[in-house]
Amino acid sequence: MKDRVAEIIGMHQRLVGEFETASVEIVIAAAEMIAECFTKGGCLYLCGNGGSAADAQHIAGEFVGRFRKDRKALPAVALTTDTSVLTCIGNDFGFEDVFVRQVEALVTSSDILWAFSTSGTSKNVVAAAEAARKKSAAIIAFTGRRNTPLESLSDICLTVDAPTTACAQEIHQLAYHIICDLVDQRLFADNAD
């Protein structure tokens, strides 16, 4: 078991090193885009399936609640949380439409859709990105594979080319926590930590 633990930690360390080398500018660009969106009165909408749905909710909580700084609430909505809407759309239209219908109803050209799909091919997430693109909203994508449909639809894409979904999600979490911190620093530099 110790060898397995060491192997998993080693994989994580390698991916963190690759992230540090290849993705710092992507993370900064995403933070700047989000800060600009909030400054101009826009909203951040987030979507994903499974663990990525949990990530979407986690990020919305960091912005609406707080990350590190005591500051005003920031507008972020996880499209994964309204069970009545999700089950209505899933029942009446199909699971592929659970996010796209919400994007059609809520997202404007002033907003950002932050879409998570470790495969980069989740049909409901890609459909949401396509709908956001039609509405001229900005799109941030977090994927676990390169050259995917979701990446091609995004303005900014963080790709963690990892051997497992869990490994990609671990780096996604590190990246989005850094983004939350950078947004706080940009918008609320005078607030104490």
N, C-alpha and C. Protein backbone atom coordinates (compact mmCIF):
# COMPACT_ATOMS: atom_id res chain seq x y z
N MET A 1 0.81 -1.19 0.00
CA MET A 1 0.00 0.00 0.00
C MET A 1 0.86 1.27 0.00
N LYS A 2 1.97 1.24 0.69
CA LYS A 2 2.83 2.43 0.73
C LYS A 2 3.34 2.77 -0.66
N ASP A 3 3.66 1.73 -1.44
CA ASP A 3 4.13 1.97 -2.80
C ASP A 3 3.03 2.63 -3.64
N ARG A 4 1.79 2.19 -3.46
CA ARG A 4 0.67 2.77 -4.21
C ARG A 4 0.46 4.23 -3.81
N VAL A 5 0.52 4.50 -2.52
CA VAL A 5 0.37 5.88 -2.04
C VAL A 5 1.47 6.75 -2.64
N ALA A 6 2.71 6.26 -2.61
CA ALA A 6 3.83 7.02 -3.17
C ALA A 6 3.66 7.25 -4.66
N GLU A 7 3.13 6.25 -5.36
CA GLU A 7 2.89 6.37 -6.80
C GLU A 7 1.86 7.46 -7.10
N ILE A 8 0.77 7.48 -6.32
CA ILE A 8 -0.28 8.48 -6.51
C ILE A 8 0.24 9.89 -6.20
N ILE A 9 0.97 10.02 -5.12
CA ILE A 9 1.55 11.32 -4.77
C ILE A 9 2.53 11.77 -5.85
N GLY A 10 3.33 10.85 -6.36
CA GLY A 10 4.28 11.18 -7.42
C GLY A 10 3.58 11.67 -8.68
N MET A 11 2.47 11.02 -9.04
CA MET A 11 1.69 11.45 -10.20
C MET A 11 1.15 12.85 -9.99
N HIS A 12 0.63 13.10 -8.79
CA HIS A 12 0.10 14.42 -8.47
C HIS A 12 1.21 15.48 -8.56
N GLN A 13 2.37 15.18 -8.02
CA GLN A 13 3.48 16.14 -8.07
C GLN A 13 3.90 16.42 -9.51
N ARG A 14 3.91 15.40 -10.34
CA ARG A 14 4.26 15.59 -11.75
C ARG A 14 3.25 16.50 -12.44
N LEU A 15 1.96 16.26 -12.18
CA LEU A 15 0.92 17.08 -12.81
C LEU A 15 0.95 18.52 -12.30
N VAL A 16 1.24 18.71 -11.02
CA VAL A 16 1.37 20.07 -10.49
C VAL A 16 2.54 20.77 -11.17
N GLY A 17 3.63 20.07 -11.36
CA GLY A 17 4.78 20.65 -12.06
C GLY A 17 4.44 21.04 -13.49
N GLU A 18 3.72 20.18 -14.19
CA GLU A 18 3.29 20.50 -15.56
C GLU A 18 2.34 21.69 -15.57
N PHE A 19 1.44 21.73 -14.61
CA PHE A 19 0.51 22.85 -14.48
C PHE A 19 1.28 24.15 -14.26
N GLU A 20 2.25 24.13 -13.39
CA GLU A 20 3.04 25.33 -13.11
C GLU A 20 3.80 25.80 -14.34
N THR A 21 4.29 24.87 -15.12
CA THR A 21 5.05 25.20 -16.32
C THR A 21 4.16 25.70 -17.45
N ALA A 22 3.01 25.05 -17.65
CA ALA A 22 2.23 25.30 -18.86
C ALA A 22 0.96 26.13 -18.68
N SER A 23 0.49 26.31 -17.45
CA SER A 23 -0.87 26.84 -17.31
C SER A 23 -1.01 28.12 -16.50
N VAL A 24 0.07 28.70 -16.04
CA VAL A 24 -0.02 29.90 -15.21
C VAL A 24 -0.71 31.03 -15.98
N GLU A 25 -0.34 31.24 -17.22
CA GLU A 25 -0.94 32.32 -18.01
C GLU A 25 -2.42 32.07 -18.27
N ILE A 26 -2.80 30.83 -18.42
CA ILE A 26 -4.21 30.48 -18.63
C ILE A 26 -5.02 30.83 -17.38
N VAL A 27 -4.48 30.49 -16.22
CA VAL A 27 -5.16 30.78 -14.96
C VAL A 27 -5.29 32.29 -14.76
N ILE A 28 -4.24 33.02 -15.05
CA ILE A 28 -4.29 34.49 -14.92
C ILE A 28 -5.32 35.07 -15.88
N ALA A 29 -5.34 34.58 -17.11
CA ALA A 29 -6.32 35.08 -18.09
C ALA A 29 -7.75 34.79 -17.64
N ALA A 30 -7.99 33.62 -17.09
CA ALA A 30 -9.33 33.27 -16.61
C ALA A 30 -9.73 34.19 -15.45
N ALA A 31 -8.81 34.43 -14.52
CA ALA A 31 -9.10 35.30 -13.38
C ALA A 31 -9.40 36.72 -13.86
N GLU A 32 -8.63 37.21 -14.82
CA GLU A 32 -8.86 38.55 -15.34
C GLU A 32 -10.21 38.64 -16.05
N MET A 33 -10.56 37.60 -16.81
CA MET A 33 -11.85 37.59 -17.49
C MET A 33 -13.00 37.62 -16.49
N ILE A 34 -12.90 36.83 -15.43
CA ILE A 34 -13.96 36.77 -14.42
C ILE A 34 -14.05 38.10 -13.67
N ALA A 35 -12.93 38.66 -13.28
CA ALA A 35 -12.93 39.94 -12.57
C ALA A 35 -13.57 41.03 -13.43
N GLU A 36 -13.22 41.05 -14.71
CA GLU A 36 -13.80 42.03 -15.64
C GLU A 36 -15.31 41.83 -15.78
N CYS A 37 -15.73 40.59 -15.86
CA CYS A 37 -17.16 40.27 -15.93
C CYS A 37 -17.89 40.82 -14.71
N PHE A 38 -17.36 40.56 -13.52
CA PHE A 38 -18.00 41.06 -12.30
C PHE A 38 -18.00 42.58 -12.26
N THR A 39 -16.90 43.20 -12.68
CA THR A 39 -16.80 44.65 -12.69
C THR A 39 -17.87 45.28 -13.57
N LYS A 40 -18.19 44.62 -14.67
CA LYS A 40 -19.17 45.15 -15.62
C LYS A 40 -20.60 44.69 -15.33
N GLY A 41 -20.81 44.03 -14.20
CA GLY A 41 -22.16 43.63 -13.81
C GLY A 41 -22.63 42.31 -14.36
N GLY A 42 -21.70 41.51 -14.91
CA GLY A 42 -22.07 40.20 -15.43
C GLY A 42 -22.12 39.14 -14.36
N CYS A 43 -22.52 37.97 -14.77
CA CYS A 43 -22.66 36.82 -13.86
C CYS A 43 -21.84 35.65 -14.40
N LEU A 44 -21.34 34.84 -13.50
CA LEU A 44 -20.60 33.63 -13.83
C LEU A 44 -21.53 32.44 -13.64
N TYR A 45 -21.74 31.69 -14.72
CA TYR A 45 -22.54 30.47 -14.67
C TYR A 45 -21.61 29.28 -14.85
N LEU A 46 -21.85 28.21 -14.09
CA LEU A 46 -20.96 27.06 -14.10
C LEU A 46 -21.75 25.77 -14.31
N CYS A 47 -21.14 24.83 -15.04
CA CYS A 47 -21.80 23.54 -15.23
C CYS A 47 -20.79 22.42 -15.40
N GLY A 48 -21.23 21.22 -15.08
CA GLY A 48 -20.44 20.01 -15.22
C GLY A 48 -21.23 18.84 -14.66
N ASN A 49 -20.75 17.65 -14.88
CA ASN A 49 -21.41 16.43 -14.42
C ASN A 49 -20.59 15.74 -13.33
N GLY A 50 -21.26 15.07 -12.41
CA GLY A 50 -20.57 14.28 -11.39
C GLY A 50 -19.66 15.14 -10.53
N GLY A 51 -18.38 14.76 -10.45
CA GLY A 51 -17.42 15.53 -9.67
C GLY A 51 -17.29 16.95 -10.18
N SER A 52 -17.44 17.13 -11.48
CA SER A 52 -17.38 18.47 -12.07
C SER A 52 -18.59 19.30 -11.67
N ALA A 53 -19.74 18.66 -11.44
CA ALA A 53 -20.90 19.37 -10.90
C ALA A 53 -20.58 19.87 -9.50
N ALA A 54 -19.91 19.03 -8.72
CA ALA A 54 -19.51 19.45 -7.37
C ALA A 54 -18.52 20.61 -7.45
N ASP A 55 -17.60 20.57 -8.42
CA ASP A 55 -16.67 21.68 -8.61
C ASP A 55 -17.42 22.97 -8.95
N ALA A 56 -18.42 22.87 -9.83
CA ALA A 56 -19.22 24.04 -10.20
C ALA A 56 -19.88 24.66 -8.97
N GLN A 57 -20.45 23.82 -8.13
CA GLN A 57 -21.10 24.30 -6.91
C GLN A 57 -20.07 24.89 -5.94
N HIS A 58 -18.93 24.24 -5.85
CA HIS A 58 -17.86 24.71 -4.96
C HIS A 58 -17.43 26.12 -5.35
N ILE A 59 -17.20 26.34 -6.63
CA ILE A 59 -16.75 27.65 -7.11
C ILE A 59 -17.83 28.71 -6.88
N ALA A 60 -19.07 28.37 -7.19
CA ALA A 60 -20.16 29.33 -6.95
C ALA A 60 -20.19 29.73 -5.48
N GLY A 61 -19.99 28.78 -4.60
CA GLY A 61 -19.95 29.07 -3.17
C GLY A 61 -18.80 30.00 -2.80
N GLU A 62 -17.64 29.80 -3.43
CA GLU A 62 -16.49 30.66 -3.14
C GLU A 62 -16.77 32.11 -3.53
N PHE A 63 -17.49 32.32 -4.64
CA PHE A 63 -17.76 33.68 -5.09
C PHE A 63 -18.96 34.30 -4.38
N VAL A 64 -20.05 33.57 -4.22
CA VAL A 64 -21.23 34.13 -3.56
C VAL A 64 -20.97 34.28 -2.06
N GLY A 65 -20.35 33.30 -1.47
CA GLY A 65 -19.97 33.39 -0.04
C GLY A 65 -18.72 34.23 0.08
N ARG A 66 -17.61 33.54 0.18
CA ARG A 66 -16.31 34.21 0.15
C ARG A 66 -15.25 33.15 -0.04
N PHE A 67 -14.10 33.60 -0.50
CA PHE A 67 -12.95 32.70 -0.61
C PHE A 67 -12.08 32.92 0.61
N ARG A 68 -11.25 33.96 0.60
CA ARG A 68 -10.43 34.28 1.77
C ARG A 68 -10.79 35.62 2.36
N LYS A 69 -11.19 36.54 1.54
CA LYS A 69 -11.43 37.92 1.97
C LYS A 69 -12.89 38.13 2.36
N ASP A 70 -13.09 38.96 3.38
CA ASP A 70 -14.44 39.43 3.67
C ASP A 70 -14.72 40.53 2.65
N ARG A 71 -15.67 40.27 1.78
CA ARG A 71 -16.00 41.20 0.70
C ARG A 71 -17.43 40.95 0.28
N LYS A 72 -17.92 41.82 -0.61
CA LYS A 72 -19.31 41.66 -1.05
C LYS A 72 -19.46 40.36 -1.83
N ALA A 73 -20.67 39.88 -1.88
CA ALA A 73 -20.98 38.67 -2.64
C ALA A 73 -20.82 38.95 -4.13
N LEU A 74 -20.34 37.96 -4.85
CA LEU A 74 -20.16 38.06 -6.30
C LEU A 74 -21.12 37.11 -7.00
N PRO A 75 -21.68 37.52 -8.14
CA PRO A 75 -22.73 36.73 -8.79
C PRO A 75 -22.21 35.51 -9.54
N ALA A 76 -22.45 34.35 -8.96
CA ALA A 76 -22.06 33.08 -9.57
C ALA A 76 -23.17 32.06 -9.33
N VAL A 77 -23.52 31.32 -10.36
CA VAL A 77 -24.63 30.37 -10.28
C VAL A 77 -24.18 29.03 -10.85
N ALA A 78 -24.30 27.98 -10.06
CA ALA A 78 -24.05 26.63 -10.56
C ALA A 78 -25.34 26.12 -11.19
N LEU A 79 -25.29 25.75 -12.45
CA LEU A 79 -26.46 25.25 -13.16
C LEU A 79 -26.77 23.80 -12.81
N THR A 80 -26.13 23.31 -11.79
CA THR A 80 -26.24 21.90 -11.39
C THR A 80 -27.09 21.70 -10.15
N THR A 81 -27.71 22.76 -9.62
CA THR A 81 -28.26 22.68 -8.28
C THR A 81 -29.78 22.70 -8.17
N ASP A 82 -30.48 23.19 -9.15
CA ASP A 82 -31.94 23.31 -9.05
C ASP A 82 -32.58 22.00 -9.52
N THR A 83 -32.92 21.16 -8.56
CA THR A 83 -33.41 19.82 -8.91
C THR A 83 -34.73 19.87 -9.68
N SER A 84 -35.58 20.83 -9.40
CA SER A 84 -36.84 20.93 -10.14
C SER A 84 -36.58 21.27 -11.60
N VAL A 85 -35.67 22.22 -11.84
CA VAL A 85 -35.34 22.58 -13.22
C VAL A 85 -34.65 21.41 -13.92
N LEU A 86 -33.67 20.80 -13.26
CA LEU A 86 -32.92 19.70 -13.87
C LEU A 86 -33.83 18.53 -14.22
N THR A 87 -34.72 18.17 -13.29
CA THR A 87 -35.57 17.01 -13.56
C THR A 87 -36.68 17.35 -14.55
N CYS A 88 -37.17 18.57 -14.54
CA CYS A 88 -38.16 18.98 -15.54
C CYS A 88 -37.56 18.90 -16.94
N ILE A 89 -36.39 19.50 -17.11
CA ILE A 89 -35.74 19.49 -18.43
C ILE A 89 -35.36 18.06 -18.82
N GLY A 90 -34.78 17.32 -17.88
CA GLY A 90 -34.40 15.94 -18.17
C GLY A 90 -35.59 15.09 -18.59
N ASN A 91 -36.72 15.28 -17.94
CA ASN A 91 -37.91 14.51 -18.25
C ASN A 91 -38.55 14.96 -19.56
N ASP A 92 -38.68 16.27 -19.74
CA ASP A 92 -39.43 16.79 -20.89
C ASP A 92 -38.59 16.87 -22.17
N PHE A 93 -37.29 17.04 -22.03
CA PHE A 93 -36.43 17.22 -23.21
C PHE A 93 -35.35 16.14 -23.31
N GLY A 94 -34.70 15.84 -22.20
CA GLY A 94 -33.62 14.85 -22.17
C GLY A 94 -32.42 15.39 -21.41
N PHE A 95 -31.59 14.49 -20.94
CA PHE A 95 -30.45 14.87 -20.10
C PHE A 95 -29.47 15.77 -20.85
N GLU A 96 -29.37 15.62 -22.16
CA GLU A 96 -28.45 16.45 -22.94
C GLU A 96 -28.82 17.93 -22.89
N ASP A 97 -30.06 18.24 -22.52
CA ASP A 97 -30.53 19.62 -22.51
C ASP A 97 -30.56 20.27 -21.12
N VAL A 98 -30.11 19.58 -20.07
CA VAL A 98 -30.27 20.13 -18.71
C VAL A 98 -29.52 21.44 -18.50
N PHE A 99 -28.42 21.65 -19.21
CA PHE A 99 -27.68 22.92 -19.07
C PHE A 99 -28.04 23.90 -20.18
N VAL A 100 -28.24 23.41 -21.40
CA VAL A 100 -28.49 24.31 -22.52
C VAL A 100 -29.76 25.12 -22.30
N ARG A 101 -30.80 24.53 -21.76
CA ARG A 101 -32.04 25.27 -21.52
C ARG A 101 -31.81 26.38 -20.50
N GLN A 102 -31.00 26.09 -19.49
CA GLN A 102 -30.70 27.13 -18.49
C GLN A 102 -29.85 28.25 -19.09
N VAL A 103 -28.90 27.89 -19.95
CA VAL A 103 -28.09 28.90 -20.63
C VAL A 103 -29.01 29.77 -21.49
N GLU A 104 -29.91 29.16 -22.22
CA GLU A 104 -30.84 29.91 -23.07
C GLU A 104 -31.68 30.87 -22.24
N ALA A 105 -32.07 30.47 -21.05
CA ALA A 105 -32.93 31.28 -20.20
C ALA A 105 -32.19 32.37 -19.44
N LEU A 106 -30.94 32.12 -19.06
CA LEU A 106 -30.27 32.99 -18.10
C LEU A 106 -29.07 33.77 -18.62
N VAL A 107 -28.26 33.17 -19.44
CA VAL A 107 -26.98 33.74 -19.82
C VAL A 107 -27.16 34.87 -20.84
N THR A 108 -26.39 35.95 -20.65
CA THR A 108 -26.38 37.07 -21.58
C THR A 108 -24.97 37.28 -22.12
N SER A 109 -24.83 38.21 -23.03
CA SER A 109 -23.52 38.50 -23.60
C SER A 109 -22.56 39.12 -22.59
N SER A 110 -23.07 39.57 -21.45
CA SER A 110 -22.23 40.14 -20.39
C SER A 110 -21.67 39.08 -19.46
N ASP A 111 -22.08 37.82 -19.64
CA ASP A 111 -21.78 36.76 -18.69
C ASP A 111 -20.67 35.83 -19.18
N ILE A 112 -20.29 34.93 -18.28
CA ILE A 112 -19.32 33.87 -18.59
C ILE A 112 -19.96 32.53 -18.25
N LEU A 113 -19.78 31.57 -19.13
CA LEU A 113 -20.08 30.17 -18.82
C LEU A 113 -18.76 29.49 -18.53
N TRP A 114 -18.64 28.90 -17.35
CA TRP A 114 -17.46 28.13 -16.98
C TRP A 114 -17.88 26.66 -17.02
N ALA A 115 -17.38 25.94 -18.01
CA ALA A 115 -17.83 24.58 -18.29
C ALA A 115 -16.74 23.57 -17.96
N PHE A 116 -17.11 22.55 -17.21
CA PHE A 116 -16.19 21.48 -16.81
C PHE A 116 -16.57 20.19 -17.51
N SER A 117 -15.59 19.56 -18.14
CA SER A 117 -15.78 18.21 -18.70
C SER A 117 -14.40 17.58 -18.82
N THR A 118 -14.12 16.61 -17.99
CA THR A 118 -12.78 16.01 -18.06
C THR A 118 -12.56 15.31 -19.39
N SER A 119 -13.63 14.79 -20.00
CA SER A 119 -13.48 14.19 -21.33
C SER A 119 -13.43 15.26 -22.42
N GLY A 120 -14.01 16.42 -22.12
CA GLY A 120 -14.13 17.47 -23.12
C GLY A 120 -15.22 17.21 -24.14
N THR A 121 -15.98 16.12 -23.92
CA THR A 121 -17.01 15.72 -24.90
C THR A 121 -18.39 15.53 -24.29
N SER A 122 -18.58 15.84 -23.02
CA SER A 122 -19.89 15.65 -22.38
C SER A 122 -20.95 16.40 -23.18
N LYS A 123 -21.92 15.69 -23.70
CA LYS A 123 -22.88 16.28 -24.63
C LYS A 123 -23.63 17.45 -24.04
N ASN A 124 -24.05 17.33 -22.76
CA ASN A 124 -24.83 18.42 -22.18
C ASN A 124 -23.96 19.65 -21.89
N VAL A 125 -22.69 19.45 -21.60
CA VAL A 125 -21.78 20.57 -21.35
C VAL A 125 -21.41 21.24 -22.68
N VAL A 126 -21.13 20.46 -23.69
CA VAL A 126 -20.81 21.01 -25.02
C VAL A 126 -22.02 21.78 -25.55
N ALA A 127 -23.23 21.25 -25.38
CA ALA A 127 -24.43 21.95 -25.83
C ALA A 127 -24.59 23.29 -25.12
N ALA A 128 -24.29 23.31 -23.83
CA ALA A 128 -24.35 24.57 -23.07
C ALA A 128 -23.34 25.58 -23.62
N ALA A 129 -22.14 25.12 -23.92
CA ALA A 129 -21.12 26.01 -24.48
C ALA A 129 -21.55 26.53 -25.85
N GLU A 130 -22.14 25.67 -26.67
CA GLU A 130 -22.63 26.12 -27.98
C GLU A 130 -23.70 27.20 -27.82
N ALA A 131 -24.61 27.01 -26.85
CA ALA A 131 -25.66 27.99 -26.61
C ALA A 131 -25.07 29.30 -26.09
N ALA A 132 -24.08 29.20 -25.21
CA ALA A 132 -23.42 30.40 -24.69
C ALA A 132 -22.71 31.15 -25.81
N ARG A 133 -22.08 30.42 -26.72
CA ARG A 133 -21.40 31.04 -27.87
C ARG A 133 -22.41 31.79 -28.73
N LYS A 134 -23.57 31.20 -28.96
CA LYS A 134 -24.61 31.87 -29.76
C LYS A 134 -25.08 33.17 -29.11
N LYS A 135 -25.00 33.23 -27.77
CA LYS A 135 -25.42 34.43 -27.05
C LYS A 135 -24.25 35.40 -26.83
N SER A 136 -23.11 35.10 -27.43
CA SER A 136 -21.89 35.94 -27.32
C SER A 136 -21.37 36.06 -25.90
N ALA A 137 -21.65 35.06 -25.06
CA ALA A 137 -21.06 35.01 -23.73
C ALA A 137 -19.65 34.44 -23.84
N ALA A 138 -18.80 34.81 -22.91
CA ALA A 138 -17.46 34.24 -22.85
C ALA A 138 -17.54 32.83 -22.27
N ILE A 139 -16.57 31.99 -22.65
CA ILE A 139 -16.57 30.60 -22.19
C ILE A 139 -15.19 30.24 -21.67
N ILE A 140 -15.16 29.78 -20.42
CA ILE A 140 -13.98 29.18 -19.83
C ILE A 140 -14.25 27.69 -19.75
N ALA A 141 -13.29 26.88 -20.16
CA ALA A 141 -13.45 25.42 -20.08
C ALA A 141 -12.31 24.82 -19.27
N PHE A 142 -12.63 23.82 -18.50
CA PHE A 142 -11.64 22.99 -17.81
C PHE A 142 -11.86 21.57 -18.32
N THR A 143 -10.82 20.99 -18.94
CA THR A 143 -10.92 19.65 -19.49
C THR A 143 -9.77 18.77 -18.99
N GLY A 144 -9.87 17.50 -19.33
CA GLY A 144 -8.81 16.56 -19.01
C GLY A 144 -8.21 15.92 -20.25
N ARG A 145 -8.57 16.45 -21.41
CA ARG A 145 -8.06 15.96 -22.69
C ARG A 145 -7.83 17.16 -23.61
N ARG A 146 -6.89 17.04 -24.51
CA ARG A 146 -6.61 18.10 -25.49
C ARG A 146 -7.45 17.90 -26.75
N ASN A 147 -7.64 19.00 -27.49
CA ASN A 147 -8.30 18.97 -28.79
C ASN A 147 -9.69 18.33 -28.74
N THR A 148 -10.52 18.86 -27.86
CA THR A 148 -11.87 18.35 -27.68
C THR A 148 -12.89 19.37 -28.19
N PRO A 149 -14.12 18.94 -28.39
CA PRO A 149 -15.16 19.90 -28.78
C PRO A 149 -15.31 21.06 -27.80
N LEU A 150 -15.23 20.77 -26.50
CA LEU A 150 -15.37 21.84 -25.51
C LEU A 150 -14.22 22.84 -25.62
N GLU A 151 -13.01 22.34 -25.77
CA GLU A 151 -11.86 23.24 -25.93
C GLU A 151 -12.06 24.15 -27.14
N SER A 152 -12.55 23.60 -28.25
CA SER A 152 -12.70 24.39 -29.48
C SER A 152 -13.75 25.49 -29.33
N LEU A 153 -14.69 25.34 -28.41
CA LEU A 153 -15.73 26.34 -28.18
C LEU A 153 -15.32 27.41 -27.17
N SER A 154 -14.24 27.18 -26.45
CA SER A 154 -13.89 28.06 -25.33
C SER A 154 -12.99 29.22 -25.74
N ASP A 155 -13.09 30.29 -24.97
CA ASP A 155 -12.18 31.42 -25.11
C ASP A 155 -10.88 31.13 -24.36
N ILE A 156 -11.03 30.48 -23.22
CA ILE A 156 -9.89 30.09 -22.39
C ILE A 156 -10.13 28.64 -21.97
N CYS A 157 -9.13 27.81 -22.15
CA CYS A 157 -9.28 26.41 -21.75
C CYS A 157 -8.06 25.94 -20.97
N LEU A 158 -8.32 25.41 -19.79
CA LEU A 158 -7.27 24.75 -19.01
C LEU A 158 -7.43 23.25 -19.26
N THR A 159 -6.43 22.66 -19.88
CA THR A 159 -6.44 21.23 -20.13
C THR A 159 -5.39 20.58 -19.25
N VAL A 160 -5.83 19.62 -18.46
CA VAL A 160 -4.93 18.83 -17.63
C VAL A 160 -4.89 17.44 -18.26
N ASP A 161 -3.86 17.17 -19.02
CA ASP A 161 -3.75 15.90 -19.72
C ASP A 161 -3.27 14.85 -18.72
N ALA A 162 -4.23 14.28 -18.00
CA ALA A 162 -3.93 13.38 -16.89
C ALA A 162 -4.36 11.95 -17.22
N PRO A 163 -3.75 10.97 -16.56
CA PRO A 163 -4.10 9.58 -16.85
C PRO A 163 -5.47 9.16 -16.31
N THR A 164 -5.99 9.91 -15.33
CA THR A 164 -7.30 9.57 -14.76
C THR A 164 -8.12 10.84 -14.56
N THR A 165 -9.42 10.65 -14.50
CA THR A 165 -10.32 11.77 -14.22
C THR A 165 -9.99 12.40 -12.87
N ALA A 166 -9.73 11.57 -11.86
CA ALA A 166 -9.44 12.09 -10.53
C ALA A 166 -8.21 12.99 -10.55
N CYS A 167 -7.18 12.59 -11.27
CA CYS A 167 -5.96 13.41 -11.34
C CYS A 167 -6.25 14.76 -11.99
N ALA A 168 -7.03 14.76 -13.06
CA ALA A 168 -7.39 16.02 -13.72
C ALA A 168 -8.18 16.91 -12.77
N GLN A 169 -9.12 16.33 -12.04
CA GLN A 169 -9.95 17.10 -11.12
C GLN A 169 -9.13 17.69 -9.97
N GLU A 170 -8.10 16.98 -9.54
CA GLU A 170 -7.24 17.52 -8.48
C GLU A 170 -6.53 18.79 -8.94
N ILE A 171 -6.05 18.80 -10.17
CA ILE A 171 -5.39 19.99 -10.70
C ILE A 171 -6.42 21.07 -11.01
N HIS A 172 -7.60 20.70 -11.48
CA HIS A 172 -8.67 21.67 -11.67
C HIS A 172 -8.96 22.41 -10.37
N GLN A 173 -9.03 21.66 -9.27
CA GLN A 173 -9.33 22.30 -7.98
C GLN A 173 -8.23 23.28 -7.59
N LEU A 174 -6.99 22.89 -7.76
CA LEU A 174 -5.88 23.81 -7.48
C LEU A 174 -6.03 25.06 -8.34
N ALA A 175 -6.31 24.89 -9.62
CA ALA A 175 -6.42 26.02 -10.54
C ALA A 175 -7.58 26.93 -10.17
N TYR A 176 -8.73 26.36 -9.86
CA TYR A 176 -9.86 27.25 -9.57
C TYR A 176 -9.72 27.93 -8.22
N HIS A 177 -9.04 27.33 -7.28
CA HIS A 177 -8.76 28.05 -6.03
C HIS A 177 -7.81 29.22 -6.28
N ILE A 178 -6.83 29.03 -7.13
CA ILE A 178 -5.93 30.14 -7.48
C ILE A 178 -6.73 31.24 -8.18
N ILE A 179 -7.61 30.87 -9.09
CA ILE A 179 -8.44 31.86 -9.79
C ILE A 179 -9.29 32.64 -8.79
N CYS A 180 -9.91 31.96 -7.85
CA CYS A 180 -10.71 32.66 -6.83
C CYS A 180 -9.85 33.66 -6.06
N ASP A 181 -8.65 33.25 -5.71
CA ASP A 181 -7.75 34.14 -4.99
C ASP A 181 -7.37 35.35 -5.84
N LEU A 182 -7.05 35.12 -7.11
CA LEU A 182 -6.66 36.22 -7.99
C LEU A 182 -7.81 37.20 -8.22
N VAL A 183 -9.02 36.69 -8.35
CA VAL A 183 -10.18 37.58 -8.51
C VAL A 183 -10.36 38.43 -7.26
N ASP A 184 -10.26 37.81 -6.09
CA ASP A 184 -10.34 38.58 -4.84
C ASP A 184 -9.27 39.66 -4.78
N GLN A 185 -8.04 39.31 -5.14
CA GLN A 185 -6.94 40.27 -5.10
C GLN A 185 -7.20 41.42 -6.07
N ARG A 186 -7.70 41.09 -7.24
CA ARG A 186 -7.93 42.13 -8.25
C ARG A 186 -9.06 43.07 -7.86
N LEU A 187 -10.15 42.52 -7.32
CA LEU A 187 -11.32 43.34 -7.04
C LEU A 187 -11.33 43.94 -5.63
N PHE A 188 -10.64 43.29 -4.71
CA PHE A 188 -10.74 43.71 -3.31
C PHE A 188 -9.37 43.77 -2.65
N ALA A 189 -8.42 44.38 -3.31
CA ALA A 189 -7.05 44.43 -2.80
C ALA A 189 -6.96 45.10 -1.46
N ASP A 190 -7.88 46.01 -1.16
CA ASP A 190 -7.82 46.76 0.11
C ASP A 190 -8.44 45.99 1.28
N ASN A 191 -9.20 44.95 0.98
CA ASN A 191 -9.81 44.16 2.06
C ASN A 191 -8.78 43.26 2.72
N ALA A 192 -8.87 43.15 4.03
CA ALA A 192 -7.95 42.25 4.75
C ALA A 192 -8.29 40.81 4.47
N ASP A 193 -7.28 39.94 4.54
CA ASP A 193 -7.51 38.50 4.37
C ASP A 193 -8.19 37.95 5.61
